[in-house]
Amino acid sequence: MRATQRALLWNSVFVAVLVGLCFSVYMSGKRIDYTWRWDRVVPYIINTDPVEISAERSGTVELSADKSELVLIPDSGEDNYTITGFDSLMVSDGDLVFEGDTLARIESWRTGPIIHGLIVTIEISFYSLIIALALGLVVGLMRISSNPAARKLAIVYIEVIRGTPLLVQIFIMYFFIGTVLDLERFTSGVVALSVFTAAYVAEIIRAGIQSIPNGQMEAARSLGMSYPKAMIYVILPQAFKRTLPPLAGQFINLIKDSSLVSVISITDLTKAGREVVSGSFAPFEVWFTVALLYLILTGALSLAIQRLEKRLSTSD
């Protein structure tokens, strides 16, 4: 019973701290004398405004019997053009319309620029994560290789990449290497993030492999396994379990670091947020929304890796 009461007490403390933090944020918002307009952000996430279909030239409207098809007969004698798939009509049969007049409307929900930016961020992070994991594995194996050339190349790569800012690497990748190789913005951003993250992944994998007792390799070799087979079937599976937590942290950093690709005009979540701020005049609402979306991405990745870690631990 004591343990239950103690758990209840500390859970109450946890809830009280969260409530206190939320209240502090609320009071801070009151003190800055700012009018919160969350309604301005919603159309940039999901836009429910109808799409208007305008006349491309002046002419006369002709409707089908069931009013599901609109034909505009231009006054200039050009070919008629037909409009279908609308939800509501703004004109009647025989009406004379001018260029730019609204003919019909389409009622539909459309994703706004914030969601488009979120999708781009997910794509960049996904491709970068896969490439960084593969490249980091190769560099990590080179780092512990007995071949001096491979080992020293891996060391130089890791030290150079970790010793220079990611922002500078993105600029070099896009404006220098990307120009030489004719790479698109998206490709340059993915390559820069992959190369940067792979340097950290290589060190994590190297540390994980070296944490496995030497007896494991010796036992595998004594059973007749070659070095590559022993590494693939014996060492790497054990090292992978041990490196999951630091790899999760590195991949979460990758998602957050992907915001830097906006400097080369990739419309990711961060750049979409800046564009929405200039159009909505609601900076706090937009940036809180952007932060929440990043939190959802990193939280989902963290939860997925935690589940994977638990599943692997139960298989031991």
C-alpha atoms as a PDB file:
ATOM      1  CA  MET A   1       0.000   0.000   0.000  1.00  0.00           C
ATOM      2  CA  ARG A   2       2.884   2.293   0.782  1.00  0.00           C
ATOM      3  CA  ALA A   3       4.292   1.835  -2.700  1.00  0.00           C
ATOM      4  CA  THR A   4       0.901   2.691  -4.208  1.00  0.00           C
ATOM      5  CA  GLN A   5       0.610   5.848  -2.119  1.00  0.00           C
ATOM      6  CA  ARG A   6       4.160   6.870  -3.023  1.00  0.00           C
ATOM      7  CA  ALA A   7       3.458   6.348  -6.713  1.00  0.00           C
ATOM      8  CA  LEU A   8       0.229   8.359  -6.425  1.00  0.00           C
ATOM      9  CA  LEU A   9       2.097  11.171  -4.671  1.00  0.00           C
ATOM     10  CA  TRP A  10       4.801  11.482  -7.301  1.00  0.00           C
ATOM     11  CA  ASN A  11       2.304  11.200 -10.153  1.00  0.00           C
ATOM     12  CA  SER A  12       0.413  14.080  -8.535  1.00  0.00           C
ATOM     13  CA  VAL A  13       3.652  16.062  -8.402  1.00  0.00           C
ATOM     14  CA  PHE A  14       4.206  15.322 -12.089  1.00  0.00           C
ATOM     15  CA  VAL A  15       0.715  16.538 -13.003  1.00  0.00           C
ATOM     16  CA  ALA A  16       1.129  19.645 -10.818  1.00  0.00           C
ATOM     17  CA  VAL A  17       4.396  20.544 -12.550  1.00  0.00           C
ATOM     18  CA  LEU A  18       2.796  20.167 -15.987  1.00  0.00           C
ATOM     19  CA  VAL A  19      -0.185  22.287 -14.941  1.00  0.00           C
ATOM     20  CA  GLY A  20       2.196  24.905 -13.538  1.00  0.00           C
ATOM     21  CA  LEU A  21       4.168  25.034 -16.787  1.00  0.00           C
ATOM     22  CA  CYS A  22       1.003  25.369 -18.875  1.00  0.00           C
ATOM     23  CA  PHE A  23      -0.256  28.112 -16.586  1.00  0.00           C
ATOM     24  CA  SER A  24       3.086  29.931 -16.869  1.00  0.00           C
ATOM     25  CA  VAL A  25       2.907  29.809 -20.662  1.00  0.00           C
ATOM     26  CA  TYR A  26      -0.693  31.078 -20.527  1.00  0.00           C
ATOM     27  CA  MET A  27       0.213  33.975 -18.243  1.00  0.00           C
ATOM     28  CA  SER A  28       3.234  34.824 -20.407  1.00  0.00           C
ATOM     29  CA  GLY A  29       0.932  35.031 -23.401  1.00  0.00           C
ATOM     30  CA  LYS A  30      -1.318  37.406 -21.495  1.00  0.00           C
ATOM     31  CA  ARG A  31       1.529  39.674 -20.438  1.00  0.00           C
ATOM     32  CA  ILE A  32       2.945  40.244 -23.923  1.00  0.00           C
ATOM     33  CA  ASP A  33      -0.314  41.927 -24.968  1.00  0.00           C
ATOM     34  CA  TYR A  34      -0.767  39.730 -28.032  1.00  0.00           C
ATOM     35  CA  THR A  35      -4.101  38.848 -29.621  1.00  0.00           C
ATOM     36  CA  TRP A  36      -4.079  35.136 -30.350  1.00  0.00           C
ATOM     37  CA  ARG A  37      -5.724  34.266 -33.692  1.00  0.00           C
ATOM     38  CA  TRP A  38      -5.484  30.531 -34.147  1.00  0.00           C
ATOM     39  CA  ASP A  39      -8.188  30.695 -36.822  1.00  0.00           C
ATOM     40  CA  ARG A  40      -5.662  32.345 -39.142  1.00  0.00           C
ATOM     41  CA  VAL A  41      -3.455  29.256 -39.064  1.00  0.00           C
ATOM     42  CA  VAL A  42      -6.133  26.658 -39.833  1.00  0.00           C
ATOM     43  CA  PRO A  43      -6.476  27.459 -43.591  1.00  0.00           C
ATOM     44  CA  TYR A  44      -2.719  26.947 -43.966  1.00  0.00           C
ATOM     45  CA  ILE A  45      -3.082  23.449 -42.517  1.00  0.00           C
ATOM     46  CA  ILE A  46      -6.404  22.321 -44.015  1.00  0.00           C
ATOM     47  CA  ASN A  47      -8.094  24.717 -46.415  1.00  0.00           C
ATOM     48  CA  THR A  48     -11.857  24.277 -46.657  1.00  0.00           C
ATOM     49  CA  ASP A  49     -12.543  27.351 -48.799  1.00  0.00           C
ATOM     50  CA  PRO A  50     -14.279  26.530 -52.102  1.00  0.00           C
ATOM     51  CA  VAL A  51     -12.264  26.690 -55.315  1.00  0.00           C
ATOM     52  CA  GLU A  52     -13.739  29.170 -57.760  1.00  0.00           C
ATOM     53  CA  ILE A  53     -13.795  28.418 -61.493  1.00  0.00           C
ATOM     54  CA  SER A  54     -13.488  31.639 -63.485  1.00  0.00           C
ATOM     55  CA  ALA A  55     -14.269  32.386 -67.117  1.00  0.00           C
ATOM     56  CA  GLU A  56     -11.174  32.384 -69.317  1.00  0.00           C
ATOM     57  CA  ARG A  57     -12.852  34.713 -71.815  1.00  0.00           C
ATOM     58  CA  SER A  58     -16.123  36.576 -72.353  1.00  0.00           C
ATOM     59  CA  GLY A  59     -19.063  34.688 -73.755  1.00  0.00           C
ATOM     60  CA  THR A  60     -22.470  33.088 -73.208  1.00  0.00           C
ATOM     61  CA  VAL A  61     -23.212  30.292 -70.737  1.00  0.00           C
ATOM     62  CA  GLU A  62     -25.027  27.164 -71.875  1.00  0.00           C
ATOM     63  CA  LEU A  63     -25.991  24.503 -69.300  1.00  0.00           C
ATOM     64  CA  SER A  64     -26.883  20.859 -69.849  1.00  0.00           C
ATOM     65  CA  ALA A  65     -30.324  19.587 -68.895  1.00  0.00           C
ATOM     66  CA  ASP A  66     -29.156  18.183 -65.563  1.00  0.00           C
ATOM     67  CA  LYS A  67     -26.902  21.214 -64.954  1.00  0.00           C
ATOM     68  CA  SER A  68     -23.871  18.961 -64.497  1.00  0.00           C
ATOM     69  CA  GLU A  69     -22.043  20.422 -67.475  1.00  0.00           C
ATOM     70  CA  LEU A  70     -21.331  24.057 -68.327  1.00  0.00           C
ATOM     71  CA  VAL A  71     -20.372  25.178 -71.826  1.00  0.00           C
ATOM     72  CA  LEU A  72     -18.971  28.655 -72.434  1.00  0.00           C
ATOM     73  CA  ILE A  73     -19.492  29.987 -75.957  1.00  0.00           C
ATOM     74  CA  PRO A  74     -16.897  32.761 -76.469  1.00  0.00           C
ATOM     75  CA  ASP A  75     -17.951  35.983 -78.192  1.00  0.00           C
ATOM     76  CA  SER A  76     -14.671  36.037 -80.106  1.00  0.00           C
ATOM     77  CA  GLY A  77     -15.657  32.997 -82.137  1.00  0.00           C
ATOM     78  CA  GLU A  78     -13.054  30.738 -80.555  1.00  0.00           C
ATOM     79  CA  ASP A  79     -13.805  27.117 -79.729  1.00  0.00           C
ATOM     80  CA  ASN A  80     -16.247  26.423 -76.919  1.00  0.00           C
ATOM     81  CA  TYR A  81     -14.869  24.935 -73.723  1.00  0.00           C
ATOM     82  CA  THR A  82     -16.685  22.722 -71.260  1.00  0.00           C
ATOM     83  CA  ILE A  83     -16.508  22.709 -67.465  1.00  0.00           C
ATOM     84  CA  THR A  84     -17.563  19.700 -65.388  1.00  0.00           C
ATOM     85  CA  GLY A  85     -16.988  18.364 -61.874  1.00  0.00           C
ATOM     86  CA  PHE A  86     -18.230  21.467 -60.022  1.00  0.00           C
ATOM     87  CA  ASP A  87     -20.416  21.414 -56.916  1.00  0.00           C
ATOM     88  CA  SER A  88     -22.359  24.661 -57.262  1.00  0.00           C
ATOM     89  CA  LEU A  89     -23.189  27.039 -60.106  1.00  0.00           C
ATOM     90  CA  MET A  90     -22.861  30.799 -59.905  1.00  0.00           C
ATOM     91  CA  VAL A  91     -24.483  31.488 -63.293  1.00  0.00           C
ATOM     92  CA  SER A  92     -27.668  30.540 -65.133  1.00  0.00           C
ATOM     93  CA  ASP A  93     -28.363  29.253 -68.637  1.00  0.00           C
ATOM     94  CA  GLY A  94     -27.988  32.012 -71.228  1.00  0.00           C
ATOM     95  CA  ASP A  95     -26.068  34.414 -68.949  1.00  0.00           C
ATOM     96  CA  LEU A  96     -23.515  36.707 -70.533  1.00  0.00           C
ATOM     97  CA  VAL A  97     -20.239  36.566 -68.616  1.00  0.00           C
ATOM     98  CA  PHE A  98     -16.957  38.392 -68.921  1.00  0.00           C
ATOM     99  CA  GLU A  99     -13.384  37.205 -68.514  1.00  0.00           C
ATOM    100  CA  GLY A 100     -12.609  36.609 -64.838  1.00  0.00           C
ATOM    101  CA  ASP A 101     -16.247  36.191 -63.733  1.00  0.00           C
ATOM    102  CA  THR A 102     -16.946  33.258 -61.378  1.00  0.00           C
ATOM    103  CA  LEU A 103     -18.821  30.464 -63.134  1.00  0.00           C
ATOM    104  CA  ALA A 104     -18.902  27.679 -60.543  1.00  0.00           C
ATOM    105  CA  ARG A 105     -17.363  26.456 -57.299  1.00  0.00           C
ATOM    106  CA  ILE A 106     -15.801  23.208 -56.148  1.00  0.00           C
ATOM    107  CA  GLU A 107     -16.327  22.350 -52.486  1.00  0.00           C
ATOM    108  CA  SER A 108     -13.259  20.428 -51.342  1.00  0.00           C
ATOM    109  CA  TRP A 109     -10.726  20.120 -48.551  1.00  0.00           C
ATOM    110  CA  ARG A 110      -7.135  20.777 -49.529  1.00  0.00           C
ATOM    111  CA  THR A 111      -3.921  20.490 -47.579  1.00  0.00           C
ATOM    112  CA  GLY A 112      -2.265  23.827 -46.902  1.00  0.00           C
ATOM    113  CA  PRO A 113       1.396  24.830 -47.223  1.00  0.00           C
ATOM    114  CA  ILE A 114       2.209  23.722 -43.667  1.00  0.00           C
ATOM    115  CA  ILE A 115       1.143  20.154 -44.451  1.00  0.00           C
ATOM    116  CA  HIS A 116       3.044  20.292 -47.766  1.00  0.00           C
ATOM    117  CA  GLY A 117       6.136  21.398 -45.850  1.00  0.00           C
ATOM    118  CA  LEU A 118       5.590  18.599 -43.320  1.00  0.00           C
ATOM    119  CA  ILE A 119       5.490  16.037 -46.138  1.00  0.00           C
ATOM    120  CA  VAL A 120       8.739  17.388 -47.587  1.00  0.00           C
ATOM    121  CA  THR A 121      10.370  17.213 -44.138  1.00  0.00           C
ATOM    122  CA  ILE A 122       9.249  13.590 -43.745  1.00  0.00           C
ATOM    123  CA  GLU A 123      10.615  12.690 -47.188  1.00  0.00           C
ATOM    124  CA  ILE A 124      13.970  14.377 -46.569  1.00  0.00           C
ATOM    125  CA  SER A 125      14.297  12.824 -43.111  1.00  0.00           C
ATOM    126  CA  PHE A 126      13.346   9.340 -44.337  1.00  0.00           C
ATOM    127  CA  TYR A 127      15.785   9.266 -47.264  1.00  0.00           C
ATOM    128  CA  SER A 128      18.550  10.819 -45.170  1.00  0.00           C
ATOM    129  CA  LEU A 129      17.983   8.316 -42.347  1.00  0.00           C
ATOM    130  CA  ILE A 130      18.259   5.299 -44.666  1.00  0.00           C
ATOM    131  CA  ILE A 131      21.355   6.604 -46.461  1.00  0.00           C
ATOM    132  CA  ALA A 132      23.013   7.738 -43.215  1.00  0.00           C
ATOM    133  CA  LEU A 133      22.455   4.331 -41.607  1.00  0.00           C
ATOM    134  CA  ALA A 134      23.984   2.477 -44.578  1.00  0.00           C
ATOM    135  CA  LEU A 135      26.876   4.909 -44.981  1.00  0.00           C
ATOM    136  CA  GLY A 136      27.495   5.038 -41.234  1.00  0.00           C
ATOM    137  CA  LEU A 137      27.667   1.242 -41.082  1.00  0.00           C
ATOM    138  CA  VAL A 138      30.286   1.144 -43.849  1.00  0.00           C
ATOM    139  CA  VAL A 139      32.360   3.937 -42.285  1.00  0.00           C
ATOM    140  CA  GLY A 140      32.032   2.373 -38.830  1.00  0.00           C
ATOM    141  CA  LEU A 141      33.401  -0.946 -40.145  1.00  0.00           C
ATOM    142  CA  MET A 142      36.203   0.927 -41.888  1.00  0.00           C
ATOM    143  CA  ARG A 143      36.958   2.669 -38.597  1.00  0.00           C
ATOM    144  CA  ILE A 144      37.782  -0.651 -36.892  1.00  0.00           C
ATOM    145  CA  SER A 145      39.334  -2.256 -39.954  1.00  0.00           C
ATOM    146  CA  SER A 146      42.872  -3.644 -39.800  1.00  0.00           C
ATOM    147  CA  ASN A 147      43.534  -1.980 -43.159  1.00  0.00           C
ATOM    148  CA  PRO A 148      45.409   1.270 -42.393  1.00  0.00           C
ATOM    149  CA  ALA A 149      44.141   3.074 -45.491  1.00  0.00           C
ATOM    150  CA  ALA A 150      40.466   2.280 -44.764  1.00  0.00           C
ATOM    151  CA  ARG A 151      40.838   3.123 -41.077  1.00  0.00           C
ATOM    152  CA  LYS A 152      42.585   6.457 -41.685  1.00  0.00           C
ATOM    153  CA  LEU A 153      40.100   7.457 -44.408  1.00  0.00           C
ATOM    154  CA  ALA A 154      37.253   6.777 -41.983  1.00  0.00           C
ATOM    155  CA  ILE A 155      38.950   8.824 -39.265  1.00  0.00           C
ATOM    156  CA  VAL A 156      39.514  11.775 -41.613  1.00  0.00           C
ATOM    157  CA  TYR A 157      35.892  11.637 -42.821  1.00  0.00           C
ATOM    158  CA  ILE A 158      34.487  11.503 -39.283  1.00  0.00           C
ATOM    159  CA  GLU A 159      36.692  14.289 -37.933  1.00  0.00           C
ATOM    160  CA  VAL A 160      36.119  16.637 -40.887  1.00  0.00           C
ATOM    161  CA  ILE A 161      32.351  16.164 -40.925  1.00  0.00           C
ATOM    162  CA  ARG A 162      31.908  16.388 -37.156  1.00  0.00           C
ATOM    163  CA  GLY A 163      34.279  19.350 -36.953  1.00  0.00           C
ATOM    164  CA  THR A 164      32.386  21.593 -39.400  1.00  0.00           C
ATOM    165  CA  PRO A 165      28.859  23.047 -39.068  1.00  0.00           C
ATOM    166  CA  LEU A 166      26.015  21.374 -40.922  1.00  0.00           C
ATOM    167  CA  LEU A 167      24.910  24.717 -42.351  1.00  0.00           C
ATOM    168  CA  VAL A 168      28.297  25.195 -44.027  1.00  0.00           C
ATOM    169  CA  GLN A 169      28.179  21.647 -45.377  1.00  0.00           C
ATOM    170  CA  ILE A 170      24.754  22.278 -46.903  1.00  0.00           C
ATOM    171  CA  PHE A 171      26.044  25.394 -48.652  1.00  0.00           C
ATOM    172  CA  ILE A 172      29.112  23.537 -49.969  1.00  0.00           C
ATOM    173  CA  MET A 173      27.016  20.585 -51.099  1.00  0.00           C
ATOM    174  CA  TYR A 174      24.494  22.735 -52.975  1.00  0.00           C
ATOM    175  CA  PHE A 175      26.521  25.626 -54.367  1.00  0.00           C
ATOM    176  CA  PHE A 176      29.769  23.750 -55.089  1.00  0.00           C
ATOM    177  CA  ILE A 177      29.307  19.987 -55.376  1.00  0.00           C
ATOM    178  CA  GLY A 178      25.678  20.315 -56.484  1.00  0.00           C
ATOM    179  CA  THR A 179      26.669  22.719 -59.253  1.00  0.00           C
ATOM    180  CA  VAL A 180      29.450  20.429 -60.496  1.00  0.00           C
ATOM    181  CA  LEU A 181      27.272  17.305 -60.434  1.00  0.00           C
ATOM    182  CA  ASP A 182      24.077  19.153 -61.453  1.00  0.00           C
ATOM    183  CA  LEU A 183      22.145  18.086 -58.341  1.00  0.00           C
ATOM    184  CA  GLU A 184      18.687  19.369 -57.513  1.00  0.00           C
ATOM    185  CA  ARG A 185      17.979  21.197 -54.249  1.00  0.00           C
ATOM    186  CA  PHE A 186      16.190  18.237 -52.726  1.00  0.00           C
ATOM    187  CA  THR A 187      18.994  15.828 -53.620  1.00  0.00           C
ATOM    188  CA  SER A 188      21.655  18.202 -52.304  1.00  0.00           C
ATOM    189  CA  GLY A 189      19.791  18.580 -49.016  1.00  0.00           C
ATOM    190  CA  VAL A 190      19.389  14.813 -48.587  1.00  0.00           C
ATOM    191  CA  VAL A 191      23.057  14.147 -49.395  1.00  0.00           C
ATOM    192  CA  ALA A 192      24.277  16.851 -47.002  1.00  0.00           C
ATOM    193  CA  LEU A 193      22.114  15.549 -44.138  1.00  0.00           C
ATOM    194  CA  SER A 194      23.095  11.947 -44.875  1.00  0.00           C
ATOM    195  CA  VAL A 195      26.823  12.663 -44.949  1.00  0.00           C
ATOM    196  CA  PHE A 196      26.610  14.700 -41.742  1.00  0.00           C
ATOM    197  CA  THR A 197      24.547  12.159 -39.807  1.00  0.00           C
ATOM    198  CA  ALA A 198      26.557   9.188 -41.095  1.00  0.00           C
ATOM    199  CA  ALA A 199      29.684  10.505 -39.332  1.00  0.00           C
ATOM    200  CA  TYR A 200      27.914  10.297 -35.966  1.00  0.00           C
ATOM    201  CA  VAL A 201      26.259   6.972 -36.818  1.00  0.00           C
ATOM    202  CA  ALA A 202      29.694   5.540 -37.690  1.00  0.00           C
ATOM    203  CA  GLU A 203      31.061   6.389 -34.259  1.00  0.00           C
ATOM    204  CA  ILE A 204      27.972   4.943 -32.562  1.00  0.00           C
ATOM    205  CA  ILE A 205      28.303   1.702 -34.530  1.00  0.00           C
ATOM    206  CA  ARG A 206      32.048   1.573 -33.887  1.00  0.00           C
ATOM    207  CA  ALA A 207      31.472   1.928 -30.147  1.00  0.00           C
ATOM    208  CA  GLY A 208      28.729  -0.717 -30.243  1.00  0.00           C
ATOM    209  CA  ILE A 209      30.936  -3.236 -32.043  1.00  0.00           C
ATOM    210  CA  GLN A 210      33.876  -2.637 -29.722  1.00  0.00           C
ATOM    211  CA  SER A 211      31.608  -3.107 -26.686  1.00  0.00           C
ATOM    212  CA  ILE A 212      31.053  -6.751 -27.687  1.00  0.00           C
ATOM    213  CA  PRO A 213      33.574  -9.051 -25.926  1.00  0.00           C
ATOM    214  CA  ASN A 214      36.385 -10.327 -28.161  1.00  0.00           C
ATOM    215  CA  GLY A 215      35.425 -13.873 -27.205  1.00  0.00           C
ATOM    216  CA  GLN A 216      32.302 -13.580 -29.386  1.00  0.00           C
ATOM    217  CA  MET A 217      34.382 -13.115 -32.531  1.00  0.00           C
ATOM    218  CA  GLU A 218      36.846 -15.770 -31.496  1.00  0.00           C
ATOM    219  CA  ALA A 219      34.032 -18.247 -30.854  1.00  0.00           C
ATOM    220  CA  ALA A 220      32.470 -17.526 -34.232  1.00  0.00           C
ATOM    221  CA  ARG A 221      35.810 -17.933 -36.022  1.00  0.00           C
ATOM    222  CA  SER A 222      36.465 -21.190 -34.184  1.00  0.00           C
ATOM    223  CA  LEU A 223      33.202 -22.534 -35.585  1.00  0.00           C
ATOM    224  CA  GLY A 224      34.547 -22.003 -39.090  1.00  0.00           C
ATOM    225  CA  MET A 225      32.885 -18.651 -39.870  1.00  0.00           C
ATOM    226  CA  SER A 226      34.757 -16.161 -41.974  1.00  0.00           C
ATOM    227  CA  TYR A 227      35.310 -12.666 -40.572  1.00  0.00           C
ATOM    228  CA  PRO A 228      32.465 -11.085 -42.652  1.00  0.00           C
ATOM    229  CA  LYS A 229      30.022 -13.861 -41.657  1.00  0.00           C
ATOM    230  CA  ALA A 230      30.972 -13.588 -37.988  1.00  0.00           C
ATOM    231  CA  MET A 231      30.476  -9.827 -38.146  1.00  0.00           C
ATOM    232  CA  ILE A 232      27.084 -10.092 -39.886  1.00  0.00           C
ATOM    233  CA  TYR A 233      25.567 -12.990 -37.928  1.00  0.00           C
ATOM    234  CA  VAL A 234      27.189 -12.660 -34.496  1.00  0.00           C
ATOM    235  CA  ILE A 235      28.659  -9.223 -33.756  1.00  0.00           C
ATOM    236  CA  LEU A 236      26.377  -6.764 -35.567  1.00  0.00           C
ATOM    237  CA  PRO A 237      23.055  -8.127 -34.178  1.00  0.00           C
ATOM    238  CA  GLN A 238      24.376  -7.732 -30.616  1.00  0.00           C
ATOM    239  CA  ALA A 239      25.879  -4.328 -31.364  1.00  0.00           C
ATOM    240  CA  PHE A 240      22.639  -3.166 -32.984  1.00  0.00           C
ATOM    241  CA  LYS A 241      20.688  -3.786 -29.775  1.00  0.00           C
ATOM    242  CA  ARG A 242      23.205  -1.801 -27.751  1.00  0.00           C
ATOM    243  CA  THR A 243      23.304   1.126 -30.174  1.00  0.00           C
ATOM    244  CA  LEU A 244      19.546   1.592 -30.545  1.00  0.00           C
ATOM    245  CA  PRO A 245      19.206   4.330 -27.863  1.00  0.00           C
ATOM    246  CA  PRO A 246      22.054   6.537 -29.209  1.00  0.00           C
ATOM    247  CA  LEU A 247      20.915   5.895 -32.781  1.00  0.00           C
ATOM    248  CA  ALA A 248      17.409   7.020 -31.806  1.00  0.00           C
ATOM    249  CA  GLY A 249      18.835  10.271 -30.434  1.00  0.00           C
ATOM    250  CA  GLN A 250      20.857  10.821 -33.595  1.00  0.00           C
ATOM    251  CA  PHE A 251      17.874  10.190 -35.863  1.00  0.00           C
ATOM    252  CA  ILE A 252      15.771  12.611 -33.811  1.00  0.00           C
ATOM    253  CA  ASN A 253      18.515  15.199 -34.297  1.00  0.00           C
ATOM    254  CA  LEU A 254      18.378  14.438 -38.017  1.00  0.00           C
ATOM    255  CA  ILE A 255      14.695  15.370 -38.176  1.00  0.00           C
ATOM    256  CA  LYS A 256      15.370  18.650 -36.375  1.00  0.00           C
ATOM    257  CA  ASP A 257      18.495  19.355 -38.441  1.00  0.00           C
ATOM    258  CA  SER A 258      16.449  18.946 -41.614  1.00  0.00           C
ATOM    259  CA  SER A 259      15.065  22.436 -40.927  1.00  0.00           C
ATOM    260  CA  LEU A 260      18.409  23.850 -42.126  1.00  0.00           C
ATOM    261  CA  VAL A 261      17.770  22.773 -45.724  1.00  0.00           C
ATOM    262  CA  SER A 262      15.373  25.712 -45.974  1.00  0.00           C
ATOM    263  CA  VAL A 263      18.454  27.920 -46.574  1.00  0.00           C
ATOM    264  CA  ILE A 264      18.736  26.433 -50.092  1.00  0.00           C
ATOM    265  CA  SER A 265      15.066  27.182 -50.822  1.00  0.00           C
ATOM    266  CA  ILE A 266      13.644  23.747 -50.108  1.00  0.00           C
ATOM    267  CA  THR A 267      10.104  24.320 -48.885  1.00  0.00           C
ATOM    268  CA  ASP A 268      10.234  22.097 -45.844  1.00  0.00           C
ATOM    269  CA  LEU A 269       8.227  22.614 -42.668  1.00  0.00           C
ATOM    270  CA  THR A 270      10.422  25.473 -41.426  1.00  0.00           C
ATOM    271  CA  LYS A 271      10.408  27.392 -44.718  1.00  0.00           C
ATOM    272  CA  ALA A 272       6.660  26.825 -45.057  1.00  0.00           C
ATOM    273  CA  GLY A 273       6.279  28.291 -41.562  1.00  0.00           C
ATOM    274  CA  ARG A 274       8.202  31.425 -42.545  1.00  0.00           C
ATOM    275  CA  GLU A 275       6.066  31.862 -45.647  1.00  0.00           C
ATOM    276  CA  VAL A 276       2.847  31.392 -43.671  1.00  0.00           C
ATOM    277  CA  VAL A 277       3.975  33.944 -41.060  1.00  0.00           C
ATOM    278  CA  SER A 278       4.413  36.570 -43.774  1.00  0.00           C
ATOM    279  CA  GLY A 279       0.923  35.877 -45.102  1.00  0.00           C
ATOM    280  CA  SER A 280      -1.048  35.298 -41.910  1.00  0.00           C
ATOM    281  CA  PHE A 281       0.580  37.842 -39.556  1.00  0.00           C
ATOM    282  CA  ALA A 282       0.272  35.270 -36.770  1.00  0.00           C
ATOM    283  CA  PRO A 283       3.908  34.454 -35.905  1.00  0.00           C
ATOM    284  CA  PHE A 284       3.393  32.861 -32.500  1.00  0.00           C
ATOM    285  CA  GLU A 285       0.536  30.646 -33.642  1.00  0.00           C
ATOM    286  CA  VAL A 286       2.460  29.479 -36.715  1.00  0.00           C
ATOM    287  CA  TRP A 287       5.703  28.705 -34.888  1.00  0.00           C
ATOM    288  CA  PHE A 288       3.880  26.911 -32.071  1.00  0.00           C
ATOM    289  CA  THR A 289       2.165  24.802 -34.759  1.00  0.00           C
ATOM    290  CA  VAL A 290       5.466  24.088 -36.514  1.00  0.00           C
ATOM    291  CA  ALA A 291       7.084  23.131 -33.197  1.00  0.00           C
ATOM    292  CA  LEU A 292       4.182  20.805 -32.405  1.00  0.00           C
ATOM    293  CA  LEU A 293       4.507  19.054 -35.781  1.00  0.00           C
ATOM    294  CA  TYR A 294       8.246  18.557 -35.252  1.00  0.00           C
ATOM    295  CA  LEU A 295       7.450  17.187 -31.788  1.00  0.00           C
ATOM    296  CA  ILE A 296       4.954  14.736 -33.274  1.00  0.00           C
ATOM    297  CA  LEU A 297       7.549  13.512 -35.797  1.00  0.00           C
ATOM    298  CA  THR A 298      10.319  13.054 -33.248  1.00  0.00           C
ATOM    299  CA  GLY A 299       7.921  11.556 -30.700  1.00  0.00           C
ATOM    300  CA  ALA A 300       6.634   9.015 -33.220  1.00  0.00           C
ATOM    301  CA  LEU A 301      10.189   8.004 -34.151  1.00  0.00           C
ATOM    302  CA  SER A 302      11.195   7.723 -30.490  1.00  0.00           C
ATOM    303  CA  LEU A 303       8.141   5.586 -29.708  1.00  0.00           C
ATOM    304  CA  ALA A 304       8.820   3.311 -32.684  1.00  0.00           C
ATOM    305  CA  ILE A 305      12.431   2.731 -31.631  1.00  0.00           C
ATOM    306  CA  GLN A 306      11.380   2.088 -28.022  1.00  0.00           C
ATOM    307  CA  ARG A 307       8.943  -0.572 -29.218  1.00  0.00           C
ATOM    308  CA  LEU A 308      11.657  -2.104 -31.400  1.00  0.00           C
ATOM    309  CA  GLU A 309      14.060  -2.100 -28.459  1.00  0.00           C
ATOM    310  CA  LYS A 310      11.526  -3.871 -26.215  1.00  0.00           C
ATOM    311  CA  ARG A 311      10.815  -6.455 -28.905  1.00  0.00           C
ATOM    312  CA  LEU A 312      14.505  -7.178 -29.373  1.00  0.00           C
ATOM    313  CA  SER A 313      15.058  -7.417 -25.610  1.00  0.00           C
ATOM    314  CA  THR A 314      12.312 -10.042 -25.276  1.00  0.00           C
ATOM    315  CA  SER A 315      13.957 -12.145 -27.996  1.00  0.00           C
ATOM    316  CA  ASP A 316      17.157 -12.552 -25.961  1.00  0.00           C
END
